[in-house]
Amino acid sequence: MWKKYGSPTVCLLISLLIPFFGTSFVYVDKHGIVHEPGFYSVIIGEIGFLVSSIWFIARYWRNKKISS
């Protein structure tokens, strides 16, 4: 089972961790301006989550179709 669903699961975990690490570098300078260098990591994480979800569902559906 791990062979079939391992890759989508790893992709899902990475897509959940990317925004966490990207937003950990947010800071406010002495003028009160917020700097968010990891802003795009949130979008990348969402895209990764979507891709891994579709990948997992396609694998599950293909496996269900073959076993029926």
C-alpha atoms as a PDB file:
ATOM      1  CA  MET A   1       0.000   0.000   0.000  1.00  0.00           C
ATOM      2  CA  TRP A   2       2.868   2.402   0.755  1.00  0.00           C
ATOM      3  CA  LYS A   3       4.207   1.928  -2.783  1.00  0.00           C
ATOM      4  CA  LYS A   4       0.930   3.078  -4.314  1.00  0.00           C
ATOM      5  CA  TYR A   5       0.161   6.025  -2.063  1.00  0.00           C
ATOM      6  CA  GLY A   6       3.639   6.973  -0.835  1.00  0.00           C
ATOM      7  CA  SER A   7       4.421   9.579  -3.469  1.00  0.00           C
ATOM      8  CA  PRO A   8       1.143  11.518  -3.163  1.00  0.00           C
ATOM      9  CA  THR A   9       1.451  11.390   0.631  1.00  0.00           C
ATOM     10  CA  VAL A  10       4.996  12.787   0.576  1.00  0.00           C
ATOM     11  CA  CYS A  11       3.896  15.503  -1.859  1.00  0.00           C
ATOM     12  CA  LEU A  12       1.000  16.350   0.455  1.00  0.00           C
ATOM     13  CA  LEU A  13       3.269  16.626   3.493  1.00  0.00           C
ATOM     14  CA  ILE A  14       5.738  18.817   1.622  1.00  0.00           C
ATOM     15  CA  SER A  15       2.939  21.068   0.386  1.00  0.00           C
ATOM     16  CA  LEU A  16       1.788  21.525   3.986  1.00  0.00           C
ATOM     17  CA  LEU A  17       5.303  22.303   5.249  1.00  0.00           C
ATOM     18  CA  ILE A  18       6.349  24.774   2.525  1.00  0.00           C
ATOM     19  CA  PRO A  19       4.074  27.638   3.682  1.00  0.00           C
ATOM     20  CA  PHE A  20       5.091  27.085   7.296  1.00  0.00           C
ATOM     21  CA  PHE A  21       8.779  27.527   6.506  1.00  0.00           C
ATOM     22  CA  GLY A  22       8.168  30.314   3.987  1.00  0.00           C
ATOM     23  CA  THR A  23       6.185  32.463   6.397  1.00  0.00           C
ATOM     24  CA  SER A  24       8.645  31.971   9.247  1.00  0.00           C
ATOM     25  CA  PHE A  25      10.865  34.657   7.669  1.00  0.00           C
ATOM     26  CA  VAL A  26       8.267  37.454   7.954  1.00  0.00           C
ATOM     27  CA  TYR A  27       9.525  40.506   9.824  1.00  0.00           C
ATOM     28  CA  VAL A  28       8.654  44.146  10.495  1.00  0.00           C
ATOM     29  CA  ASP A  29      11.384  46.720   9.906  1.00  0.00           C
ATOM     30  CA  LYS A  30      12.018  49.810  12.015  1.00  0.00           C
ATOM     31  CA  HIS A  31       9.609  51.885   9.871  1.00  0.00           C
ATOM     32  CA  GLY A  32       6.727  49.473  10.507  1.00  0.00           C
ATOM     33  CA  ILE A  33       6.739  47.911   7.053  1.00  0.00           C
ATOM     34  CA  VAL A  34       6.000  44.197   6.953  1.00  0.00           C
ATOM     35  CA  HIS A  35       8.358  42.170   4.761  1.00  0.00           C
ATOM     36  CA  GLU A  36       7.114  38.784   3.607  1.00  0.00           C
ATOM     37  CA  PRO A  37       9.817  37.077   1.545  1.00  0.00           C
ATOM     38  CA  GLY A  38       7.960  33.754   1.702  1.00  0.00           C
ATOM     39  CA  PHE A  39       4.627  35.095   0.476  1.00  0.00           C
ATOM     40  CA  TYR A  40       4.681  32.972  -2.682  1.00  0.00           C
ATOM     41  CA  SER A  41       5.335  29.828  -0.685  1.00  0.00           C
ATOM     42  CA  VAL A  42       1.690  29.878   0.402  1.00  0.00           C
ATOM     43  CA  ILE A  43       0.547  29.777  -3.222  1.00  0.00           C
ATOM     44  CA  ILE A  44       3.064  27.042  -4.031  1.00  0.00           C
ATOM     45  CA  GLY A  45       1.793  25.061  -1.039  1.00  0.00           C
ATOM     46  CA  GLU A  46      -1.803  25.378  -2.191  1.00  0.00           C
ATOM     47  CA  ILE A  47      -0.907  24.234  -5.700  1.00  0.00           C
ATOM     48  CA  GLY A  48       1.055  21.305  -4.254  1.00  0.00           C
ATOM     49  CA  PHE A  49      -1.895  20.373  -2.042  1.00  0.00           C
ATOM     50  CA  LEU A  50      -4.234  20.432  -5.034  1.00  0.00           C
ATOM     51  CA  VAL A  51      -1.876  18.350  -7.179  1.00  0.00           C
ATOM     52  CA  SER A  52      -1.288  15.764  -4.458  1.00  0.00           C
ATOM     53  CA  SER A  53      -5.031  15.506  -3.753  1.00  0.00           C
ATOM     54  CA  ILE A  54      -5.816  14.910  -7.420  1.00  0.00           C
ATOM     55  CA  TRP A  55      -2.920  12.443  -7.638  1.00  0.00           C
ATOM     56  CA  PHE A  56      -4.178  10.525  -4.590  1.00  0.00           C
ATOM     57  CA  ILE A  57      -7.777  10.410  -5.872  1.00  0.00           C
ATOM     58  CA  ALA A  58      -6.650   9.276  -9.352  1.00  0.00           C
ATOM     59  CA  ARG A  59      -4.508   6.507  -7.842  1.00  0.00           C
ATOM     60  CA  TYR A  60      -7.337   5.391  -5.580  1.00  0.00           C
ATOM     61  CA  TRP A  61      -9.848   5.435  -8.431  1.00  0.00           C
ATOM     62  CA  ARG A  62      -7.507   3.526 -10.754  1.00  0.00           C
ATOM     63  CA  ASN A  63      -6.826   0.950  -8.038  1.00  0.00           C
ATOM     64  CA  LYS A  64     -10.553   0.573  -7.333  1.00  0.00           C
ATOM     65  CA  LYS A  65     -11.285   0.219 -11.059  1.00  0.00           C
ATOM     66  CA  ILE A  66      -8.633  -2.488 -11.540  1.00  0.00           C
ATOM     67  CA  SER A  67      -9.728  -4.542  -8.517  1.00  0.00           C
ATOM     68  CA  SER A  68     -13.417  -4.489  -9.540  1.00  0.00           C
END
